[in-house]
Protein backbone atom coordinates (compact mmCIF):
# COMPACT_ATOMS: atom_id res chain seq x y z
CA UNK A 1 0.00 0.00 0.00
CA UNK A 2 1.32 3.48 -0.86
CA UNK A 3 0.35 5.23 2.40
CA UNK A 4 -2.53 7.72 2.28
CA UNK A 5 -5.98 6.37 1.45
CA UNK A 6 -7.29 7.29 -1.99
CA UNK A 7 -10.87 7.91 -0.83
CA UNK A 8 -10.15 11.09 1.18
CA UNK A 9 -12.54 13.95 0.52
CA UNK A 10 -10.59 17.05 -0.56
CA UNK A 11 -10.77 19.90 1.94
CA UNK A 12 -12.52 23.01 0.63
CA UNK A 13 -9.79 25.45 1.66
CA UNK A 14 -7.24 23.88 -0.69
CA UNK A 15 -8.54 25.38 -3.98
CA UNK A 16 -9.06 28.73 -2.25
CA UNK A 17 -5.50 28.83 -0.95
CA UNK A 18 -4.04 27.71 -4.27
CA UNK A 19 -5.97 30.44 -6.07
CA UNK A 20 -4.84 33.04 -3.53
CA UNK A 21 -1.21 31.97 -3.90
CA UNK A 22 -1.37 32.10 -7.71
CA UNK A 23 -2.99 35.54 -7.79
CA UNK A 24 -0.64 36.79 -5.08
CA UNK A 25 2.34 35.70 -7.17
CA UNK A 26 1.00 37.55 -10.21
CA UNK A 27 0.22 40.71 -8.23
CA UNK A 28 3.60 40.54 -6.48
CA UNK A 29 5.38 40.50 -9.84
CA UNK A 30 3.37 43.54 -10.93
CA UNK A 31 3.99 45.36 -7.65
CA UNK A 32 7.70 44.61 -7.86
CA UNK A 33 7.90 46.19 -11.31
CA UNK A 34 5.74 49.21 -10.46
CA UNK A 35 7.39 49.62 -7.04
CA UNK A 36 10.87 49.45 -8.51
CA UNK A 37 10.03 52.11 -11.11
CA UNK A 38 8.33 54.44 -8.63
CA UNK A 39 11.02 53.81 -6.02
CA UNK A 40 13.73 54.67 -8.53
CA UNK A 41 11.90 57.84 -9.61
CA UNK A 42 11.39 58.93 -5.99
CA UNK A 43 14.71 57.98 -4.37
CA UNK A 44 17.04 56.68 -7.06
CA UNK A 45 18.86 53.37 -6.63
CA UNK A 46 18.00 53.23 -2.90
CA UNK A 47 14.31 53.57 -3.71
CA UNK A 48 14.46 50.80 -6.30
CA UNK A 49 16.04 48.30 -3.90
CA UNK A 50 13.86 49.43 -0.99
CA UNK A 51 10.66 48.89 -2.98
CA UNK A 52 11.81 45.47 -4.15
CA UNK A 53 12.76 44.47 -0.60
CA UNK A 54 9.40 45.64 0.78
CA UNK A 55 7.35 43.84 -1.87
CA UNK A 56 9.42 40.65 -1.58
CA UNK A 57 9.27 40.64 2.22
CA UNK A 58 5.49 41.03 2.21
CA UNK A 59 5.05 38.34 -0.44
CA UNK A 60 7.19 35.79 1.39
CA UNK A 61 5.57 36.35 4.75
CA UNK A 62 2.03 36.33 3.38
CA UNK A 63 2.73 33.15 1.39
CA UNK A 64 4.10 31.25 4.39
CA UNK A 65 0.66 31.04 6.01
CA UNK A 66 -1.07 29.78 2.86
CA UNK A 67 1.67 27.28 2.15
CA UNK A 68 1.68 26.00 5.74
CA UNK A 69 -2.10 25.44 5.60
CA UNK A 70 -1.79 23.65 2.24
CA UNK A 71 0.90 21.41 3.71
CA UNK A 72 -1.22 20.72 6.80
CA UNK A 73 -4.26 19.92 4.64
CA UNK A 74 -2.41 16.91 3.25
CA UNK A 75 -3.28 15.12 6.51
CA UNK A 76 -6.99 15.91 6.31
CA UNK A 77 -9.00 12.86 7.37
CA UNK A 78 -6.15 11.48 9.48
CA UNK A 79 -6.70 10.99 13.20
CA UNK A 80 -3.83 13.39 13.88
CA UNK A 81 -5.07 16.07 11.46
CA UNK A 82 -6.04 18.66 14.07
CA UNK A 83 -2.79 18.56 16.09
CA UNK A 84 -0.73 18.39 12.89
CA UNK A 85 -2.66 21.28 11.37
CA UNK A 86 -2.19 23.54 14.37
CA UNK A 87 1.43 22.46 14.83
CA UNK A 88 2.32 23.22 11.22
CA UNK A 89 0.42 26.52 11.06
CA UNK A 90 1.72 27.68 14.45
CA UNK A 91 5.23 26.66 13.37
CA UNK A 92 4.80 28.81 10.26
CA UNK A 93 3.70 31.78 12.36
CA UNK A 94 6.66 31.38 14.73
CA UNK A 95 8.99 31.09 11.74
CA UNK A 96 7.52 34.29 10.28
CA UNK A 97 7.88 36.12 13.58
CA UNK A 98 11.52 35.14 14.10
CA UNK A 99 12.53 35.76 10.49
CA UNK A 100 10.66 39.10 10.41
CA UNK A 101 12.56 40.34 13.49
CA UNK A 102 15.89 39.15 12.05
CA UNK A 103 15.18 40.75 8.64
CA UNK A 104 14.21 44.07 10.20
CA UNK A 105 17.33 44.06 12.38
CA UNK A 106 19.51 43.28 9.37
CA UNK A 107 17.84 45.89 7.15
CA UNK A 108 17.82 48.61 9.83
CA UNK A 109 20.43 51.22 9.03
CA UNK A 110 21.46 49.70 5.70
CA UNK A 111 22.72 52.42 3.35
CA UNK A 112 20.75 51.02 0.39
CA UNK A 113 17.38 51.15 2.19
CA UNK A 114 15.10 54.17 1.99
CA UNK A 115 12.80 53.62 5.00
CA UNK A 116 9.85 55.52 3.52
CA UNK A 117 9.88 53.67 0.19
CA UNK A 118 10.39 50.35 1.99
CA UNK A 119 7.45 51.02 4.33
CA UNK A 120 5.12 52.16 1.55
CA UNK A 121 6.00 49.13 -0.61
CA UNK A 122 5.40 46.81 2.35
CA UNK A 123 2.02 48.37 3.19
CA UNK A 124 0.83 48.45 -0.44
CA UNK A 125 1.81 44.79 -0.85
CA UNK A 126 -0.07 43.78 2.29
CA UNK A 127 -3.16 45.74 1.21
CA UNK A 128 -3.00 44.11 -2.24
CA UNK A 129 -2.85 40.71 -0.55
CA UNK A 130 -5.92 41.52 1.52
CA UNK A 131 -7.80 42.60 -1.61
CA UNK A 132 -6.83 39.34 -3.30
CA UNK A 133 -8.02 37.34 -0.27
CA UNK A 134 -11.38 39.10 -0.28
CA UNK A 135 -11.79 38.81 -4.06
CA UNK A 136 -11.00 35.09 -4.09
CA UNK A 137 -13.25 34.34 -1.12
CA UNK A 138 -16.20 36.19 -2.63
CA UNK A 139 -15.81 34.49 -6.01
CA UNK A 140 -15.17 30.90 -4.87
CA UNK A 141 -18.30 28.79 -4.79
CA UNK A 142 -17.98 27.12 -1.42
CA UNK A 143 -20.97 26.30 0.79
CA UNK A 144 -21.18 28.15 4.10
CA UNK A 145 -20.72 24.84 5.88
CA UNK A 146 -18.20 22.60 4.19
CA UNK A 147 -16.16 19.51 4.92
CA UNK A 148 -19.06 18.10 6.96
CA UNK A 149 -21.10 14.95 6.56
CA UNK A 150 -24.71 15.37 7.61
CA UNK A 151 -26.52 12.52 9.42
CA UNK A 152 -28.57 11.48 6.36
CA UNK A 153 -25.58 11.41 3.99
CA UNK A 154 -23.35 8.83 5.65
CA UNK A 155 -24.81 5.68 7.21
CA UNK A 156 -21.76 5.23 9.44
CA UNK A 157 -22.65 8.44 11.35
CA UNK A 158 -25.84 6.96 12.81
CA UNK A 159 -26.11 4.27 15.46
CA UNK A 160 -27.17 0.66 14.82
CA UNK A 161 -30.91 1.46 14.98
CA UNK A 162 -30.54 4.10 12.26
CA UNK A 163 -31.46 6.99 14.53
CA UNK A 164 -29.46 10.11 15.24
CA UNK A 165 -27.50 10.31 18.49
CA UNK A 166 -29.59 11.05 21.60
CA UNK A 167 -30.11 14.61 22.74
CA UNK A 168 -31.18 15.92 19.33
C-alpha atoms as a PDB file:
ATOM      1  CA  UNK A   1       0.000   0.000   0.000  1.00  0.00           C
ATOM      2  CA  UNK A   2       1.322   3.478  -0.860  1.00  0.00           C
ATOM      3  CA  UNK A   3       0.350   5.230   2.399  1.00  0.00           C
ATOM      4  CA  UNK A   4      -2.527   7.721   2.280  1.00  0.00           C
ATOM      5  CA  UNK A   5      -5.982   6.366   1.447  1.00  0.00           C
ATOM      6  CA  UNK A   6      -7.290   7.287  -1.989  1.00  0.00           C
ATOM      7  CA  UNK A   7     -10.874   7.914  -0.828  1.00  0.00           C
ATOM      8  CA  UNK A   8     -10.155  11.090   1.179  1.00  0.00           C
ATOM      9  CA  UNK A   9     -12.536  13.954   0.522  1.00  0.00           C
ATOM     10  CA  UNK A  10     -10.586  17.046  -0.560  1.00  0.00           C
ATOM     11  CA  UNK A  11     -10.773  19.896   1.939  1.00  0.00           C
ATOM     12  CA  UNK A  12     -12.525  23.007   0.633  1.00  0.00           C
ATOM     13  CA  UNK A  13      -9.793  25.452   1.658  1.00  0.00           C
ATOM     14  CA  UNK A  14      -7.239  23.884  -0.694  1.00  0.00           C
ATOM     15  CA  UNK A  15      -8.543  25.383  -3.976  1.00  0.00           C
ATOM     16  CA  UNK A  16      -9.056  28.733  -2.252  1.00  0.00           C
ATOM     17  CA  UNK A  17      -5.496  28.826  -0.949  1.00  0.00           C
ATOM     18  CA  UNK A  18      -4.037  27.709  -4.266  1.00  0.00           C
ATOM     19  CA  UNK A  19      -5.965  30.445  -6.073  1.00  0.00           C
ATOM     20  CA  UNK A  20      -4.840  33.040  -3.529  1.00  0.00           C
ATOM     21  CA  UNK A  21      -1.208  31.973  -3.902  1.00  0.00           C
ATOM     22  CA  UNK A  22      -1.369  32.101  -7.710  1.00  0.00           C
ATOM     23  CA  UNK A  23      -2.992  35.537  -7.785  1.00  0.00           C
ATOM     24  CA  UNK A  24      -0.636  36.788  -5.077  1.00  0.00           C
ATOM     25  CA  UNK A  25       2.341  35.704  -7.174  1.00  0.00           C
ATOM     26  CA  UNK A  26       0.996  37.546 -10.208  1.00  0.00           C
ATOM     27  CA  UNK A  27       0.222  40.708  -8.233  1.00  0.00           C
ATOM     28  CA  UNK A  28       3.601  40.542  -6.477  1.00  0.00           C
ATOM     29  CA  UNK A  29       5.375  40.501  -9.838  1.00  0.00           C
ATOM     30  CA  UNK A  30       3.367  43.539 -10.934  1.00  0.00           C
ATOM     31  CA  UNK A  31       3.988  45.359  -7.649  1.00  0.00           C
ATOM     32  CA  UNK A  32       7.696  44.608  -7.861  1.00  0.00           C
ATOM     33  CA  UNK A  33       7.900  46.186 -11.315  1.00  0.00           C
ATOM     34  CA  UNK A  34       5.743  49.208 -10.459  1.00  0.00           C
ATOM     35  CA  UNK A  35       7.386  49.618  -7.044  1.00  0.00           C
ATOM     36  CA  UNK A  36      10.872  49.452  -8.515  1.00  0.00           C
ATOM     37  CA  UNK A  37      10.035  52.109 -11.113  1.00  0.00           C
ATOM     38  CA  UNK A  38       8.328  54.437  -8.635  1.00  0.00           C
ATOM     39  CA  UNK A  39      11.023  53.814  -6.018  1.00  0.00           C
ATOM     40  CA  UNK A  40      13.726  54.667  -8.533  1.00  0.00           C
ATOM     41  CA  UNK A  41      11.905  57.842  -9.606  1.00  0.00           C
ATOM     42  CA  UNK A  42      11.386  58.931  -5.986  1.00  0.00           C
ATOM     43  CA  UNK A  43      14.709  57.980  -4.372  1.00  0.00           C
ATOM     44  CA  UNK A  44      17.044  56.684  -7.059  1.00  0.00           C
ATOM     45  CA  UNK A  45      18.861  53.367  -6.631  1.00  0.00           C
ATOM     46  CA  UNK A  46      17.999  53.227  -2.901  1.00  0.00           C
ATOM     47  CA  UNK A  47      14.310  53.571  -3.713  1.00  0.00           C
ATOM     48  CA  UNK A  48      14.455  50.803  -6.300  1.00  0.00           C
ATOM     49  CA  UNK A  49      16.041  48.303  -3.897  1.00  0.00           C
ATOM     50  CA  UNK A  50      13.857  49.435  -0.991  1.00  0.00           C
ATOM     51  CA  UNK A  51      10.660  48.885  -2.985  1.00  0.00           C
ATOM     52  CA  UNK A  52      11.810  45.468  -4.154  1.00  0.00           C
ATOM     53  CA  UNK A  53      12.758  44.467  -0.603  1.00  0.00           C
ATOM     54  CA  UNK A  54       9.399  45.642   0.783  1.00  0.00           C
ATOM     55  CA  UNK A  55       7.355  43.838  -1.869  1.00  0.00           C
ATOM     56  CA  UNK A  56       9.416  40.654  -1.576  1.00  0.00           C
ATOM     57  CA  UNK A  57       9.270  40.644   2.220  1.00  0.00           C
ATOM     58  CA  UNK A  58       5.486  41.030   2.209  1.00  0.00           C
ATOM     59  CA  UNK A  59       5.051  38.340  -0.439  1.00  0.00           C
ATOM     60  CA  UNK A  60       7.187  35.789   1.394  1.00  0.00           C
ATOM     61  CA  UNK A  61       5.565  36.351   4.752  1.00  0.00           C
ATOM     62  CA  UNK A  62       2.034  36.325   3.378  1.00  0.00           C
ATOM     63  CA  UNK A  63       2.732  33.150   1.389  1.00  0.00           C
ATOM     64  CA  UNK A  64       4.100  31.251   4.393  1.00  0.00           C
ATOM     65  CA  UNK A  65       0.660  31.044   6.008  1.00  0.00           C
ATOM     66  CA  UNK A  66      -1.072  29.784   2.858  1.00  0.00           C
ATOM     67  CA  UNK A  67       1.667  27.276   2.147  1.00  0.00           C
ATOM     68  CA  UNK A  68       1.681  25.999   5.740  1.00  0.00           C
ATOM     69  CA  UNK A  69      -2.098  25.441   5.600  1.00  0.00           C
ATOM     70  CA  UNK A  70      -1.792  23.648   2.240  1.00  0.00           C
ATOM     71  CA  UNK A  71       0.905  21.405   3.711  1.00  0.00           C
ATOM     72  CA  UNK A  72      -1.216  20.722   6.798  1.00  0.00           C
ATOM     73  CA  UNK A  73      -4.264  19.917   4.635  1.00  0.00           C
ATOM     74  CA  UNK A  74      -2.406  16.911   3.252  1.00  0.00           C
ATOM     75  CA  UNK A  75      -3.277  15.119   6.512  1.00  0.00           C
ATOM     76  CA  UNK A  76      -6.994  15.912   6.308  1.00  0.00           C
ATOM     77  CA  UNK A  77      -9.005  12.860   7.375  1.00  0.00           C
ATOM     78  CA  UNK A  78      -6.152  11.483   9.476  1.00  0.00           C
ATOM     79  CA  UNK A  79      -6.702  10.993  13.199  1.00  0.00           C
ATOM     80  CA  UNK A  80      -3.834  13.389  13.882  1.00  0.00           C
ATOM     81  CA  UNK A  81      -5.072  16.066  11.459  1.00  0.00           C
ATOM     82  CA  UNK A  82      -6.041  18.662  14.069  1.00  0.00           C
ATOM     83  CA  UNK A  83      -2.792  18.555  16.092  1.00  0.00           C
ATOM     84  CA  UNK A  84      -0.726  18.386  12.893  1.00  0.00           C
ATOM     85  CA  UNK A  85      -2.656  21.284  11.366  1.00  0.00           C
ATOM     86  CA  UNK A  86      -2.193  23.544  14.370  1.00  0.00           C
ATOM     87  CA  UNK A  87       1.433  22.464  14.831  1.00  0.00           C
ATOM     88  CA  UNK A  88       2.322  23.223  11.220  1.00  0.00           C
ATOM     89  CA  UNK A  89       0.422  26.518  11.056  1.00  0.00           C
ATOM     90  CA  UNK A  90       1.722  27.677  14.446  1.00  0.00           C
ATOM     91  CA  UNK A  91       5.228  26.660  13.373  1.00  0.00           C
ATOM     92  CA  UNK A  92       4.799  28.814  10.260  1.00  0.00           C
ATOM     93  CA  UNK A  93       3.699  31.781  12.362  1.00  0.00           C
ATOM     94  CA  UNK A  94       6.659  31.375  14.733  1.00  0.00           C
ATOM     95  CA  UNK A  95       8.988  31.088  11.738  1.00  0.00           C
ATOM     96  CA  UNK A  96       7.519  34.286  10.278  1.00  0.00           C
ATOM     97  CA  UNK A  97       7.878  36.121  13.582  1.00  0.00           C
ATOM     98  CA  UNK A  98      11.521  35.144  14.099  1.00  0.00           C
ATOM     99  CA  UNK A  99      12.530  35.757  10.491  1.00  0.00           C
ATOM    100  CA  UNK A 100      10.657  39.097  10.414  1.00  0.00           C
ATOM    101  CA  UNK A 101      12.559  40.341  13.489  1.00  0.00           C
ATOM    102  CA  UNK A 102      15.887  39.153  12.049  1.00  0.00           C
ATOM    103  CA  UNK A 103      15.183  40.748   8.638  1.00  0.00           C
ATOM    104  CA  UNK A 104      14.210  44.066  10.205  1.00  0.00           C
ATOM    105  CA  UNK A 105      17.326  44.058  12.377  1.00  0.00           C
ATOM    106  CA  UNK A 106      19.513  43.282   9.366  1.00  0.00           C
ATOM    107  CA  UNK A 107      17.844  45.893   7.147  1.00  0.00           C
ATOM    108  CA  UNK A 108      17.818  48.609   9.834  1.00  0.00           C
ATOM    109  CA  UNK A 109      20.426  51.215   9.026  1.00  0.00           C
ATOM    110  CA  UNK A 110      21.462  49.703   5.697  1.00  0.00           C
ATOM    111  CA  UNK A 111      22.718  52.424   3.348  1.00  0.00           C
ATOM    112  CA  UNK A 112      20.750  51.025   0.395  1.00  0.00           C
ATOM    113  CA  UNK A 113      17.376  51.150   2.191  1.00  0.00           C
ATOM    114  CA  UNK A 114      15.101  54.171   1.990  1.00  0.00           C
ATOM    115  CA  UNK A 115      12.804  53.620   5.001  1.00  0.00           C
ATOM    116  CA  UNK A 116       9.852  55.519   3.518  1.00  0.00           C
ATOM    117  CA  UNK A 117       9.881  53.667   0.187  1.00  0.00           C
ATOM    118  CA  UNK A 118      10.389  50.348   1.988  1.00  0.00           C
ATOM    119  CA  UNK A 119       7.450  51.019   4.326  1.00  0.00           C
ATOM    120  CA  UNK A 120       5.117  52.164   1.547  1.00  0.00           C
ATOM    121  CA  UNK A 121       5.997  49.134  -0.611  1.00  0.00           C
ATOM    122  CA  UNK A 122       5.402  46.811   2.352  1.00  0.00           C
ATOM    123  CA  UNK A 123       2.019  48.373   3.193  1.00  0.00           C
ATOM    124  CA  UNK A 124       0.832  48.449  -0.440  1.00  0.00           C
ATOM    125  CA  UNK A 125       1.808  44.785  -0.846  1.00  0.00           C
ATOM    126  CA  UNK A 126      -0.072  43.783   2.292  1.00  0.00           C
ATOM    127  CA  UNK A 127      -3.159  45.742   1.208  1.00  0.00           C
ATOM    128  CA  UNK A 128      -2.996  44.109  -2.237  1.00  0.00           C
ATOM    129  CA  UNK A 129      -2.845  40.709  -0.553  1.00  0.00           C
ATOM    130  CA  UNK A 130      -5.924  41.522   1.520  1.00  0.00           C
ATOM    131  CA  UNK A 131      -7.802  42.604  -1.610  1.00  0.00           C
ATOM    132  CA  UNK A 132      -6.833  39.337  -3.296  1.00  0.00           C
ATOM    133  CA  UNK A 133      -8.024  37.335  -0.270  1.00  0.00           C
ATOM    134  CA  UNK A 134     -11.384  39.095  -0.283  1.00  0.00           C
ATOM    135  CA  UNK A 135     -11.794  38.811  -4.062  1.00  0.00           C
ATOM    136  CA  UNK A 136     -11.001  35.090  -4.090  1.00  0.00           C
ATOM    137  CA  UNK A 137     -13.245  34.339  -1.119  1.00  0.00           C
ATOM    138  CA  UNK A 138     -16.201  36.194  -2.629  1.00  0.00           C
ATOM    139  CA  UNK A 139     -15.805  34.488  -6.014  1.00  0.00           C
ATOM    140  CA  UNK A 140     -15.172  30.902  -4.870  1.00  0.00           C
ATOM    141  CA  UNK A 141     -18.305  28.790  -4.792  1.00  0.00           C
ATOM    142  CA  UNK A 142     -17.982  27.116  -1.417  1.00  0.00           C
ATOM    143  CA  UNK A 143     -20.967  26.298   0.786  1.00  0.00           C
ATOM    144  CA  UNK A 144     -21.184  28.155   4.098  1.00  0.00           C
ATOM    145  CA  UNK A 145     -20.720  24.843   5.884  1.00  0.00           C
ATOM    146  CA  UNK A 146     -18.204  22.599   4.194  1.00  0.00           C
ATOM    147  CA  UNK A 147     -16.161  19.506   4.919  1.00  0.00           C
ATOM    148  CA  UNK A 148     -19.064  18.104   6.965  1.00  0.00           C
ATOM    149  CA  UNK A 149     -21.103  14.946   6.561  1.00  0.00           C
ATOM    150  CA  UNK A 150     -24.712  15.370   7.608  1.00  0.00           C
ATOM    151  CA  UNK A 151     -26.519  12.522   9.417  1.00  0.00           C
ATOM    152  CA  UNK A 152     -28.574  11.481   6.358  1.00  0.00           C
ATOM    153  CA  UNK A 153     -25.583  11.415   3.992  1.00  0.00           C
ATOM    154  CA  UNK A 154     -23.353   8.829   5.652  1.00  0.00           C
ATOM    155  CA  UNK A 155     -24.808   5.684   7.205  1.00  0.00           C
ATOM    156  CA  UNK A 156     -21.755   5.233   9.440  1.00  0.00           C
ATOM    157  CA  UNK A 157     -22.646   8.436  11.345  1.00  0.00           C
ATOM    158  CA  UNK A 158     -25.839   6.956  12.813  1.00  0.00           C
ATOM    159  CA  UNK A 159     -26.115   4.271  15.462  1.00  0.00           C
ATOM    160  CA  UNK A 160     -27.175   0.664  14.817  1.00  0.00           C
ATOM    161  CA  UNK A 161     -30.913   1.462  14.976  1.00  0.00           C
ATOM    162  CA  UNK A 162     -30.540   4.098  12.255  1.00  0.00           C
ATOM    163  CA  UNK A 163     -31.461   6.987  14.533  1.00  0.00           C
ATOM    164  CA  UNK A 164     -29.463  10.111  15.240  1.00  0.00           C
ATOM    165  CA  UNK A 165     -27.504  10.310  18.495  1.00  0.00           C
ATOM    166  CA  UNK A 166     -29.586  11.048  21.600  1.00  0.00           C
ATOM    167  CA  UNK A 167     -30.111  14.609  22.743  1.00  0.00           C
ATOM    168  CA  UNK A 168     -31.175  15.923  19.327  1.00  0.00           C
END
